[in-house]
Amino acid sequence: MRMERHLKDEKKTGNWHWRRNPFTGTRQFNGLRVMMALMNSWDLKDENNAVYERTSEADGPHKIYLVSDLGASFGTTGYSWTQAMAKGNLKSYSHSRFIGKVHPEFVDFNVPTRPALIYFFHLPGLIRRLRMRWIGRHIPREDARWIGDLLSRLSPEQIQDAFRSAGYSPQEVDGFSKVVQERIAELTRL
């Protein structure tokens, strides 16, 4: 069963693109890119992003941009031979490398990584996956530290509640929460 939230005053109007969107180059957009790396969210296709139009009496119509599919998160840093390792897998997530390289002015994260060997037999898939790699690369160090400072305001209980509400076991809740807290601490030290 898949649960989705539908609000009566919202209507999906399309998708937004990682390379071309109204937020490119902003601190907030770079913060989103860091969040995708923090969660090991590697399936960063444009089709997984949505634009909704919301109409409210107070503000009138406005657009909401969101990442609408985070299914390929909290596992490996890229497509894996088995889906069991690639999504919601504590062992894969905790053993993955978060930050690839820190430069004086920017940070390269390790998500998404180079496609698995299986893609070398499917050239269009390989090209599409290689084109996604920029999303986790060359993020201004200051912006990565900014989102880390914001995330550091979350209490351990709040982070645990997020995993608990997703239906993870108590051991997984503790494990995933610990890794997220460690990654947030890494961001604040940049």
N, C-alpha and C. Protein backbone atom coordinates (compact mmCIF):
# COMPACT_ATOMS: atom_id res chain seq x y z
N MET A 1 0.83 -1.18 0.00
CA MET A 1 0.00 0.00 0.00
C MET A 1 0.88 1.24 0.00
N ARG A 2 0.54 2.20 -0.83
CA ARG A 2 1.29 3.43 -0.90
C ARG A 2 0.40 4.57 -0.44
N MET A 3 0.88 5.31 0.52
CA MET A 3 0.09 6.42 1.04
C MET A 3 0.63 7.72 0.48
N GLU A 4 -0.24 8.52 -0.06
CA GLU A 4 0.14 9.83 -0.58
C GLU A 4 -0.82 10.87 -0.06
N ARG A 5 -0.31 12.04 0.11
CA ARG A 5 -1.12 13.14 0.60
C ARG A 5 -1.64 13.93 -0.59
N HIS A 6 -2.93 14.17 -0.62
CA HIS A 6 -3.54 14.98 -1.67
C HIS A 6 -4.34 16.09 -1.02
N LEU A 7 -4.01 17.30 -1.36
CA LEU A 7 -4.76 18.44 -0.83
C LEU A 7 -5.70 18.97 -1.90
N LYS A 8 -6.89 19.36 -1.49
CA LYS A 8 -7.89 19.79 -2.46
C LYS A 8 -7.51 21.09 -3.17
N ASP A 9 -6.68 21.92 -2.55
CA ASP A 9 -6.32 23.19 -3.18
C ASP A 9 -4.99 23.12 -3.93
N GLU A 10 -4.46 21.90 -4.17
CA GLU A 10 -3.23 21.72 -4.93
C GLU A 10 -3.48 20.89 -6.18
N LYS A 11 -2.79 21.25 -7.25
CA LYS A 11 -2.90 20.50 -8.49
C LYS A 11 -1.51 20.39 -9.11
N LYS A 12 -1.13 19.17 -9.46
CA LYS A 12 0.17 18.98 -10.12
C LYS A 12 0.10 19.58 -11.52
N THR A 13 1.10 20.44 -11.81
CA THR A 13 1.13 21.11 -13.11
C THR A 13 2.30 20.68 -13.98
N GLY A 14 3.21 19.87 -13.44
CA GLY A 14 4.34 19.41 -14.24
C GLY A 14 5.51 18.98 -13.39
N ASN A 15 6.67 18.88 -14.02
CA ASN A 15 7.92 18.51 -13.37
C ASN A 15 8.90 19.67 -13.47
N TRP A 16 9.84 19.72 -12.55
CA TRP A 16 10.93 20.69 -12.67
C TRP A 16 12.23 19.94 -12.93
N HIS A 17 13.20 20.63 -13.48
CA HIS A 17 14.45 20.02 -13.91
C HIS A 17 15.59 20.46 -12.99
N TRP A 18 16.46 19.51 -12.70
CA TRP A 18 17.62 19.82 -11.87
C TRP A 18 18.50 20.89 -12.51
N ARG A 19 18.70 20.84 -13.78
CA ARG A 19 19.60 21.80 -14.44
C ARG A 19 18.95 23.16 -14.70
N ARG A 20 17.66 23.17 -14.94
CA ARG A 20 16.97 24.43 -15.27
C ARG A 20 15.76 24.60 -14.37
N ASN A 21 15.91 25.46 -13.39
CA ASN A 21 14.81 25.75 -12.48
C ASN A 21 15.01 27.15 -11.90
N PRO A 22 14.00 27.74 -11.32
CA PRO A 22 14.12 29.11 -10.82
C PRO A 22 15.08 29.29 -9.65
N PHE A 23 15.56 28.20 -9.08
CA PHE A 23 16.37 28.29 -7.87
C PHE A 23 17.85 28.00 -8.08
N THR A 24 18.22 27.64 -9.30
CA THR A 24 19.62 27.29 -9.59
C THR A 24 20.56 28.39 -9.09
N GLY A 25 21.60 27.94 -8.39
CA GLY A 25 22.62 28.87 -7.91
C GLY A 25 22.31 29.49 -6.55
N THR A 26 21.13 29.22 -6.00
CA THR A 26 20.79 29.78 -4.69
C THR A 26 21.28 28.88 -3.57
N ARG A 27 21.42 29.45 -2.41
CA ARG A 27 21.82 28.70 -1.23
C ARG A 27 20.81 27.58 -0.94
N GLN A 28 19.54 27.89 -1.12
CA GLN A 28 18.49 26.90 -0.83
C GLN A 28 18.57 25.72 -1.79
N PHE A 29 18.81 25.99 -3.06
CA PHE A 29 18.94 24.91 -4.04
C PHE A 29 20.17 24.06 -3.71
N ASN A 30 21.27 24.69 -3.37
CA ASN A 30 22.46 23.94 -2.98
C ASN A 30 22.21 23.14 -1.71
N GLY A 31 21.40 23.68 -0.80
CA GLY A 31 21.02 22.93 0.40
C GLY A 31 20.23 21.68 0.05
N LEU A 32 19.36 21.78 -0.95
CA LEU A 32 18.62 20.60 -1.42
C LEU A 32 19.58 19.56 -2.00
N ARG A 33 20.55 20.01 -2.75
CA ARG A 33 21.53 19.09 -3.32
C ARG A 33 22.29 18.36 -2.20
N VAL A 34 22.63 19.08 -1.13
CA VAL A 34 23.30 18.46 0.02
C VAL A 34 22.36 17.45 0.68
N MET A 35 21.08 17.81 0.81
CA MET A 35 20.11 16.89 1.43
C MET A 35 20.01 15.58 0.64
N MET A 36 20.05 15.67 -0.68
CA MET A 36 20.00 14.45 -1.49
C MET A 36 21.22 13.58 -1.19
N ALA A 37 22.37 14.21 -1.00
CA ALA A 37 23.58 13.46 -0.66
C ALA A 37 23.49 12.88 0.76
N LEU A 38 22.98 13.66 1.70
CA LEU A 38 22.85 13.20 3.08
C LEU A 38 21.99 11.94 3.15
N MET A 39 20.95 11.88 2.33
CA MET A 39 20.04 10.73 2.33
C MET A 39 20.47 9.62 1.38
N ASN A 40 21.57 9.81 0.67
CA ASN A 40 21.98 8.87 -0.39
C ASN A 40 20.85 8.70 -1.41
N SER A 41 20.19 9.79 -1.73
CA SER A 41 19.12 9.75 -2.72
C SER A 41 19.77 9.85 -4.10
N TRP A 42 19.84 8.73 -4.79
CA TRP A 42 20.63 8.66 -6.03
C TRP A 42 19.78 8.66 -7.30
N ASP A 43 18.48 8.45 -7.22
CA ASP A 43 17.65 8.39 -8.42
C ASP A 43 17.11 9.78 -8.73
N LEU A 44 18.00 10.65 -9.17
CA LEU A 44 17.71 12.08 -9.31
C LEU A 44 17.24 12.46 -10.71
N LYS A 45 16.31 11.67 -11.22
CA LYS A 45 15.73 11.97 -12.53
C LYS A 45 14.77 13.15 -12.40
N ASP A 46 14.66 13.93 -13.45
CA ASP A 46 13.74 15.06 -13.45
C ASP A 46 12.29 14.61 -13.23
N GLU A 47 11.96 13.40 -13.69
CA GLU A 47 10.59 12.88 -13.52
C GLU A 47 10.24 12.68 -12.04
N ASN A 48 11.24 12.66 -11.17
CA ASN A 48 11.00 12.48 -9.74
C ASN A 48 10.80 13.81 -9.01
N ASN A 49 10.68 14.89 -9.78
CA ASN A 49 10.45 16.22 -9.23
C ASN A 49 9.10 16.73 -9.73
N ALA A 50 8.35 17.38 -8.88
CA ALA A 50 7.02 17.84 -9.27
C ALA A 50 6.84 19.32 -8.98
N VAL A 51 5.96 19.94 -9.76
CA VAL A 51 5.52 21.31 -9.52
C VAL A 51 4.02 21.24 -9.27
N TYR A 52 3.61 21.81 -8.16
CA TYR A 52 2.19 21.90 -7.84
C TYR A 52 1.78 23.36 -7.81
N GLU A 53 0.56 23.61 -8.17
CA GLU A 53 0.01 24.95 -8.01
C GLU A 53 -0.98 24.89 -6.87
N ARG A 54 -0.80 25.79 -5.94
CA ARG A 54 -1.69 25.85 -4.77
C ARG A 54 -2.42 27.18 -4.80
N THR A 55 -3.69 27.12 -4.55
CA THR A 55 -4.49 28.33 -4.50
C THR A 55 -5.00 28.51 -3.08
N SER A 56 -4.67 29.65 -2.51
CA SER A 56 -5.18 29.96 -1.17
C SER A 56 -5.86 31.32 -1.21
N GLU A 57 -6.85 31.48 -0.37
CA GLU A 57 -7.58 32.75 -0.33
C GLU A 57 -6.67 33.90 0.07
N ALA A 58 -5.76 33.65 0.98
CA ALA A 58 -4.90 34.71 1.49
C ALA A 58 -3.82 35.14 0.49
N ASP A 59 -3.18 34.15 -0.15
CA ASP A 59 -2.04 34.45 -1.01
C ASP A 59 -2.33 34.35 -2.49
N GLY A 60 -3.44 33.78 -2.88
CA GLY A 60 -3.72 33.54 -4.29
C GLY A 60 -2.92 32.34 -4.77
N PRO A 61 -2.81 32.17 -6.09
CA PRO A 61 -2.09 31.00 -6.61
C PRO A 61 -0.57 31.15 -6.50
N HIS A 62 0.10 30.08 -6.17
CA HIS A 62 1.56 30.05 -6.19
C HIS A 62 2.02 28.62 -6.44
N LYS A 63 3.27 28.50 -6.91
CA LYS A 63 3.82 27.20 -7.26
C LYS A 63 4.65 26.64 -6.11
N ILE A 64 4.59 25.32 -5.99
CA ILE A 64 5.37 24.59 -5.00
C ILE A 64 6.22 23.59 -5.77
N TYR A 65 7.54 23.67 -5.56
CA TYR A 65 8.49 22.77 -6.21
C TYR A 65 8.94 21.75 -5.17
N LEU A 66 8.88 20.47 -5.53
CA LEU A 66 9.31 19.46 -4.56
C LEU A 66 9.90 18.25 -5.26
N VAL A 67 10.71 17.53 -4.49
CA VAL A 67 11.20 16.23 -4.94
C VAL A 67 10.11 15.25 -4.53
N SER A 68 9.42 14.70 -5.51
CA SER A 68 8.22 13.91 -5.22
C SER A 68 8.47 12.42 -5.05
N ASP A 69 9.68 11.95 -5.36
CA ASP A 69 9.98 10.53 -5.22
C ASP A 69 11.36 10.38 -4.57
N LEU A 70 11.35 9.96 -3.33
CA LEU A 70 12.59 9.74 -2.59
C LEU A 70 12.80 8.26 -2.29
N GLY A 71 12.19 7.41 -3.10
CA GLY A 71 12.25 5.97 -2.86
C GLY A 71 13.65 5.39 -2.87
N ALA A 72 14.52 5.91 -3.69
CA ALA A 72 15.89 5.39 -3.80
C ALA A 72 16.80 6.17 -2.84
N SER A 73 16.52 6.05 -1.55
CA SER A 73 17.26 6.77 -0.52
C SER A 73 17.65 5.82 0.61
N PHE A 74 18.61 6.27 1.41
CA PHE A 74 19.05 5.56 2.60
C PHE A 74 19.52 4.14 2.31
N GLY A 75 20.29 4.01 1.23
CA GLY A 75 20.90 2.73 0.87
C GLY A 75 22.26 3.01 0.26
N THR A 76 22.49 2.46 -0.91
CA THR A 76 23.74 2.69 -1.62
C THR A 76 23.77 4.11 -2.20
N THR A 77 24.90 4.50 -2.75
CA THR A 77 25.04 5.83 -3.33
C THR A 77 24.72 5.85 -4.82
N GLY A 78 24.28 4.74 -5.34
CA GLY A 78 23.91 4.65 -6.75
C GLY A 78 23.19 3.34 -7.01
N TYR A 79 22.79 3.15 -8.24
CA TYR A 79 22.06 1.95 -8.63
C TYR A 79 22.89 0.72 -8.29
N SER A 80 22.27 -0.28 -7.68
CA SER A 80 22.96 -1.47 -7.22
C SER A 80 22.46 -2.70 -7.97
N TRP A 81 23.20 -3.78 -7.88
CA TRP A 81 22.78 -5.03 -8.50
C TRP A 81 21.46 -5.50 -7.92
N THR A 82 21.28 -5.28 -6.63
CA THR A 82 20.02 -5.68 -6.00
C THR A 82 19.34 -4.46 -5.40
N GLN A 83 18.05 -4.35 -5.58
CA GLN A 83 17.30 -3.23 -5.03
C GLN A 83 17.30 -3.27 -3.50
N ALA A 84 17.46 -4.45 -2.92
CA ALA A 84 17.47 -4.58 -1.46
C ALA A 84 18.62 -3.79 -0.84
N MET A 85 19.73 -3.66 -1.54
CA MET A 85 20.87 -2.90 -1.03
C MET A 85 20.74 -1.42 -1.33
N ALA A 86 20.04 -1.08 -2.40
CA ALA A 86 20.02 0.28 -2.91
C ALA A 86 19.06 1.21 -2.18
N LYS A 87 18.08 0.65 -1.49
CA LYS A 87 17.03 1.48 -0.90
C LYS A 87 16.73 1.02 0.52
N GLY A 88 16.75 1.98 1.47
CA GLY A 88 16.37 1.66 2.83
C GLY A 88 17.17 0.54 3.46
N ASN A 89 18.47 0.50 3.19
CA ASN A 89 19.32 -0.57 3.70
C ASN A 89 20.35 0.04 4.65
N LEU A 90 20.19 -0.22 5.94
CA LEU A 90 21.05 0.39 6.95
C LEU A 90 22.52 0.04 6.75
N LYS A 91 22.80 -1.21 6.43
CA LYS A 91 24.20 -1.61 6.23
C LYS A 91 24.83 -0.84 5.07
N SER A 92 24.13 -0.76 3.95
CA SER A 92 24.65 -0.01 2.80
C SER A 92 24.81 1.46 3.13
N TYR A 93 23.81 2.03 3.79
CA TYR A 93 23.83 3.46 4.12
C TYR A 93 24.97 3.78 5.09
N SER A 94 25.10 2.99 6.13
CA SER A 94 26.11 3.29 7.14
C SER A 94 27.54 3.07 6.64
N HIS A 95 27.71 2.21 5.63
CA HIS A 95 29.05 1.96 5.10
C HIS A 95 29.39 2.85 3.90
N SER A 96 28.45 3.64 3.45
CA SER A 96 28.72 4.50 2.29
C SER A 96 29.49 5.75 2.71
N ARG A 97 30.23 6.26 1.76
CA ARG A 97 31.02 7.47 1.99
C ARG A 97 30.15 8.68 1.67
N PHE A 98 30.07 9.64 2.58
CA PHE A 98 29.22 10.81 2.43
C PHE A 98 29.91 11.91 1.62
N ILE A 99 31.02 12.41 2.12
CA ILE A 99 31.74 13.50 1.45
C ILE A 99 32.88 12.90 0.63
N GLY A 100 32.88 13.23 -0.66
CA GLY A 100 33.93 12.73 -1.53
C GLY A 100 35.23 13.50 -1.37
N LYS A 101 35.14 14.86 -1.46
CA LYS A 101 36.33 15.68 -1.37
C LYS A 101 35.93 17.09 -0.94
N VAL A 102 36.73 17.67 -0.07
CA VAL A 102 36.52 19.05 0.37
C VAL A 102 37.60 19.91 -0.25
N HIS A 103 37.19 20.91 -0.99
CA HIS A 103 38.10 21.87 -1.61
C HIS A 103 38.00 23.16 -0.80
N PRO A 104 38.91 24.09 -0.99
CA PRO A 104 38.83 25.34 -0.22
C PRO A 104 37.48 26.08 -0.38
N GLU A 105 36.90 26.06 -1.56
CA GLU A 105 35.68 26.82 -1.80
C GLU A 105 34.41 25.98 -1.97
N PHE A 106 34.58 24.69 -2.23
CA PHE A 106 33.40 23.87 -2.49
C PHE A 106 33.60 22.45 -1.99
N VAL A 107 32.50 21.66 -2.02
CA VAL A 107 32.50 20.28 -1.54
C VAL A 107 31.93 19.39 -2.63
N ASP A 108 32.53 18.21 -2.78
CA ASP A 108 31.99 17.18 -3.67
C ASP A 108 31.47 16.05 -2.78
N PHE A 109 30.20 15.72 -2.94
CA PHE A 109 29.60 14.63 -2.20
C PHE A 109 29.66 13.37 -3.03
N ASN A 110 29.47 12.25 -2.39
CA ASN A 110 29.64 10.96 -3.05
C ASN A 110 28.33 10.42 -3.64
N VAL A 111 27.33 11.28 -3.78
CA VAL A 111 26.02 10.87 -4.32
C VAL A 111 25.63 11.83 -5.42
N PRO A 112 25.16 11.36 -6.53
CA PRO A 112 25.14 9.96 -6.95
C PRO A 112 26.50 9.54 -7.49
N THR A 113 26.81 8.27 -7.30
CA THR A 113 28.08 7.74 -7.77
C THR A 113 27.97 7.28 -9.23
N ARG A 114 29.09 6.86 -9.74
CA ARG A 114 29.14 6.31 -11.10
C ARG A 114 28.17 5.14 -11.18
N PRO A 115 27.49 5.00 -12.29
CA PRO A 115 26.53 3.89 -12.43
C PRO A 115 27.19 2.52 -12.28
N ALA A 116 26.41 1.57 -11.82
CA ALA A 116 26.88 0.20 -11.68
C ALA A 116 27.21 -0.38 -13.05
N LEU A 117 28.00 -1.43 -13.07
CA LEU A 117 28.43 -2.05 -14.32
C LEU A 117 27.26 -2.49 -15.20
N ILE A 118 26.13 -2.78 -14.60
CA ILE A 118 24.96 -3.21 -15.38
C ILE A 118 24.58 -2.16 -16.43
N TYR A 119 24.83 -0.87 -16.13
CA TYR A 119 24.47 0.19 -17.07
C TYR A 119 25.40 0.24 -18.28
N PHE A 120 26.57 -0.36 -18.21
CA PHE A 120 27.47 -0.34 -19.35
C PHE A 120 26.92 -1.16 -20.51
N PHE A 121 25.90 -1.99 -20.22
CA PHE A 121 25.25 -2.75 -21.28
C PHE A 121 23.97 -2.06 -21.76
N HIS A 122 23.65 -0.94 -21.15
CA HIS A 122 22.47 -0.16 -21.52
C HIS A 122 22.93 1.29 -21.66
N LEU A 123 23.42 1.63 -22.84
CA LEU A 123 24.06 2.93 -23.07
C LEU A 123 23.17 4.12 -22.72
N PRO A 124 21.89 4.17 -23.09
CA PRO A 124 21.08 5.34 -22.70
C PRO A 124 20.98 5.52 -21.18
N GLY A 125 20.85 4.40 -20.45
CA GLY A 125 20.79 4.47 -19.00
C GLY A 125 22.11 4.95 -18.41
N LEU A 126 23.22 4.49 -18.98
CA LEU A 126 24.55 4.91 -18.53
C LEU A 126 24.71 6.41 -18.71
N ILE A 127 24.38 6.92 -19.87
CA ILE A 127 24.52 8.35 -20.14
C ILE A 127 23.65 9.16 -19.20
N ARG A 128 22.40 8.73 -19.00
CA ARG A 128 21.50 9.46 -18.11
C ARG A 128 22.05 9.49 -16.68
N ARG A 129 22.57 8.36 -16.20
CA ARG A 129 23.13 8.31 -14.84
C ARG A 129 24.40 9.15 -14.71
N LEU A 130 25.24 9.14 -15.73
CA LEU A 130 26.46 9.95 -15.68
C LEU A 130 26.12 11.44 -15.65
N ARG A 131 25.08 11.83 -16.33
CA ARG A 131 24.67 13.24 -16.37
C ARG A 131 24.11 13.72 -15.03
N MET A 132 23.72 12.82 -14.16
CA MET A 132 23.19 13.20 -12.84
C MET A 132 24.29 13.49 -11.82
N ARG A 133 25.48 13.06 -12.08
CA ARG A 133 26.56 13.14 -11.08
C ARG A 133 26.86 14.55 -10.63
N TRP A 134 26.63 15.55 -11.49
CA TRP A 134 26.94 16.94 -11.14
C TRP A 134 26.13 17.41 -9.93
N ILE A 135 24.97 16.80 -9.67
CA ILE A 135 24.09 17.28 -8.61
C ILE A 135 24.77 17.24 -7.25
N GLY A 136 25.62 16.27 -7.02
CA GLY A 136 26.34 16.18 -5.75
C GLY A 136 27.73 16.78 -5.78
N ARG A 137 28.08 17.45 -6.83
CA ARG A 137 29.44 17.98 -6.98
C ARG A 137 29.46 19.51 -6.97
N HIS A 138 30.62 20.03 -6.59
CA HIS A 138 30.94 21.46 -6.68
C HIS A 138 29.89 22.33 -5.96
N ILE A 139 29.53 21.94 -4.76
CA ILE A 139 28.58 22.71 -3.95
C ILE A 139 29.39 23.66 -3.07
N PRO A 140 29.06 24.95 -3.08
CA PRO A 140 29.83 25.88 -2.24
C PRO A 140 29.88 25.41 -0.78
N ARG A 141 31.08 25.41 -0.26
CA ARG A 141 31.32 24.94 1.11
C ARG A 141 30.45 25.70 2.10
N GLU A 142 30.32 26.98 1.90
CA GLU A 142 29.51 27.83 2.78
C GLU A 142 28.04 27.39 2.78
N ASP A 143 27.53 27.01 1.61
CA ASP A 143 26.13 26.55 1.52
C ASP A 143 25.94 25.19 2.19
N ALA A 144 26.93 24.31 2.06
CA ALA A 144 26.86 23.00 2.71
C ALA A 144 26.89 23.16 4.23
N ARG A 145 27.72 24.06 4.72
CA ARG A 145 27.78 24.31 6.16
C ARG A 145 26.47 24.97 6.64
N TRP A 146 25.89 25.83 5.83
CA TRP A 146 24.62 26.50 6.18
C TRP A 146 23.51 25.47 6.40
N ILE A 147 23.34 24.52 5.46
CA ILE A 147 22.29 23.51 5.63
C ILE A 147 22.62 22.60 6.82
N GLY A 148 23.90 22.35 7.04
CA GLY A 148 24.30 21.57 8.21
C GLY A 148 23.92 22.27 9.51
N ASP A 149 24.12 23.58 9.56
CA ASP A 149 23.74 24.34 10.75
C ASP A 149 22.23 24.30 10.97
N LEU A 150 21.46 24.39 9.90
CA LEU A 150 19.99 24.28 10.03
C LEU A 150 19.60 22.90 10.54
N LEU A 151 20.18 21.86 9.96
CA LEU A 151 19.84 20.49 10.36
C LEU A 151 20.28 20.18 11.79
N SER A 152 21.33 20.85 12.24
CA SER A 152 21.83 20.58 13.60
C SER A 152 20.82 21.03 14.67
N ARG A 153 19.82 21.79 14.29
CA ARG A 153 18.78 22.21 15.23
C ARG A 153 17.78 21.09 15.51
N LEU A 154 17.79 20.05 14.67
CA LEU A 154 16.90 18.90 14.92
C LEU A 154 17.42 18.13 16.12
N SER A 155 16.52 17.73 16.99
CA SER A 155 16.92 16.91 18.13
C SER A 155 17.07 15.46 17.67
N PRO A 156 17.83 14.66 18.43
CA PRO A 156 17.92 13.24 18.08
C PRO A 156 16.54 12.58 18.03
N GLU A 157 15.64 12.99 18.91
CA GLU A 157 14.29 12.43 18.93
C GLU A 157 13.52 12.76 17.65
N GLN A 158 13.69 13.97 17.14
CA GLN A 158 13.00 14.35 15.90
C GLN A 158 13.50 13.52 14.72
N ILE A 159 14.80 13.29 14.67
CA ILE A 159 15.36 12.46 13.59
C ILE A 159 14.86 11.03 13.73
N GLN A 160 14.85 10.51 14.93
CA GLN A 160 14.34 9.16 15.17
C GLN A 160 12.87 9.06 14.79
N ASP A 161 12.09 10.07 15.12
CA ASP A 161 10.66 10.06 14.79
C ASP A 161 10.43 9.96 13.29
N ALA A 162 11.30 10.60 12.50
CA ALA A 162 11.16 10.53 11.04
C ALA A 162 11.30 9.08 10.56
N PHE A 163 12.28 8.36 11.08
CA PHE A 163 12.47 6.97 10.68
C PHE A 163 11.40 6.06 11.27
N ARG A 164 11.01 6.36 12.49
CA ARG A 164 9.95 5.58 13.13
C ARG A 164 8.64 5.70 12.33
N SER A 165 8.32 6.90 11.89
CA SER A 165 7.08 7.10 11.14
C SER A 165 7.12 6.43 9.77
N ALA A 166 8.32 6.14 9.27
CA ALA A 166 8.46 5.44 7.99
C ALA A 166 8.36 3.93 8.15
N GLY A 167 8.20 3.47 9.39
CA GLY A 167 7.98 2.05 9.62
C GLY A 167 9.23 1.22 9.83
N TYR A 168 10.37 1.84 10.10
CA TYR A 168 11.58 1.08 10.34
C TYR A 168 11.54 0.43 11.72
N SER A 169 12.28 -0.67 11.89
CA SER A 169 12.36 -1.36 13.17
C SER A 169 13.10 -0.47 14.17
N PRO A 170 12.96 -0.73 15.47
CA PRO A 170 13.68 0.06 16.47
C PRO A 170 15.20 0.08 16.24
N GLN A 171 15.77 -1.05 15.83
CA GLN A 171 17.22 -1.10 15.57
C GLN A 171 17.58 -0.23 14.36
N GLU A 172 16.73 -0.26 13.33
CA GLU A 172 16.98 0.56 12.15
C GLU A 172 16.81 2.04 12.47
N VAL A 173 15.80 2.37 13.26
CA VAL A 173 15.59 3.76 13.67
C VAL A 173 16.85 4.29 14.34
N ASP A 174 17.40 3.53 15.28
CA ASP A 174 18.62 3.95 15.97
C ASP A 174 19.80 4.06 15.01
N GLY A 175 19.95 3.07 14.14
CA GLY A 175 21.08 3.05 13.21
C GLY A 175 21.04 4.18 12.19
N PHE A 176 19.90 4.33 11.52
CA PHE A 176 19.78 5.40 10.53
C PHE A 176 19.94 6.77 11.19
N SER A 177 19.34 6.94 12.35
CA SER A 177 19.43 8.23 13.06
C SER A 177 20.87 8.58 13.41
N LYS A 178 21.61 7.58 13.85
CA LYS A 178 23.02 7.80 14.21
C LYS A 178 23.81 8.27 12.99
N VAL A 179 23.61 7.63 11.84
CA VAL A 179 24.34 8.02 10.63
C VAL A 179 23.95 9.43 10.20
N VAL A 180 22.67 9.75 10.25
CA VAL A 180 22.23 11.10 9.87
C VAL A 180 22.86 12.13 10.80
N GLN A 181 22.88 11.87 12.08
CA GLN A 181 23.49 12.82 13.03
C GLN A 181 24.99 12.99 12.75
N GLU A 182 25.67 11.90 12.42
CA GLU A 182 27.10 11.99 12.10
C GLU A 182 27.32 12.83 10.85
N ARG A 183 26.45 12.65 9.86
CA ARG A 183 26.59 13.42 8.62
C ARG A 183 26.30 14.89 8.84
N ILE A 184 25.33 15.19 9.66
CA ILE A 184 25.04 16.59 9.99
C ILE A 184 26.25 17.21 10.68
N ALA A 185 26.87 16.48 11.60
CA ALA A 185 28.07 16.99 12.28
C ALA A 185 29.19 17.24 11.28
N GLU A 186 29.34 16.37 10.29
CA GLU A 186 30.36 16.59 9.25
C GLU A 186 30.11 17.90 8.51
N LEU A 187 28.85 18.17 8.21
CA LEU A 187 28.52 19.42 7.51
C LEU A 187 28.86 20.65 8.35
N THR A 188 28.57 20.59 9.63
CA THR A 188 28.82 21.76 10.49
C THR A 188 30.31 22.01 10.68
N ARG A 189 31.14 21.00 10.43
CA ARG A 189 32.60 21.17 10.59
C ARG A 189 33.28 21.67 9.31
N LEU A 190 32.53 21.83 8.24
CA LEU A 190 33.15 22.26 6.97
C LEU A 190 33.73 23.67 7.07
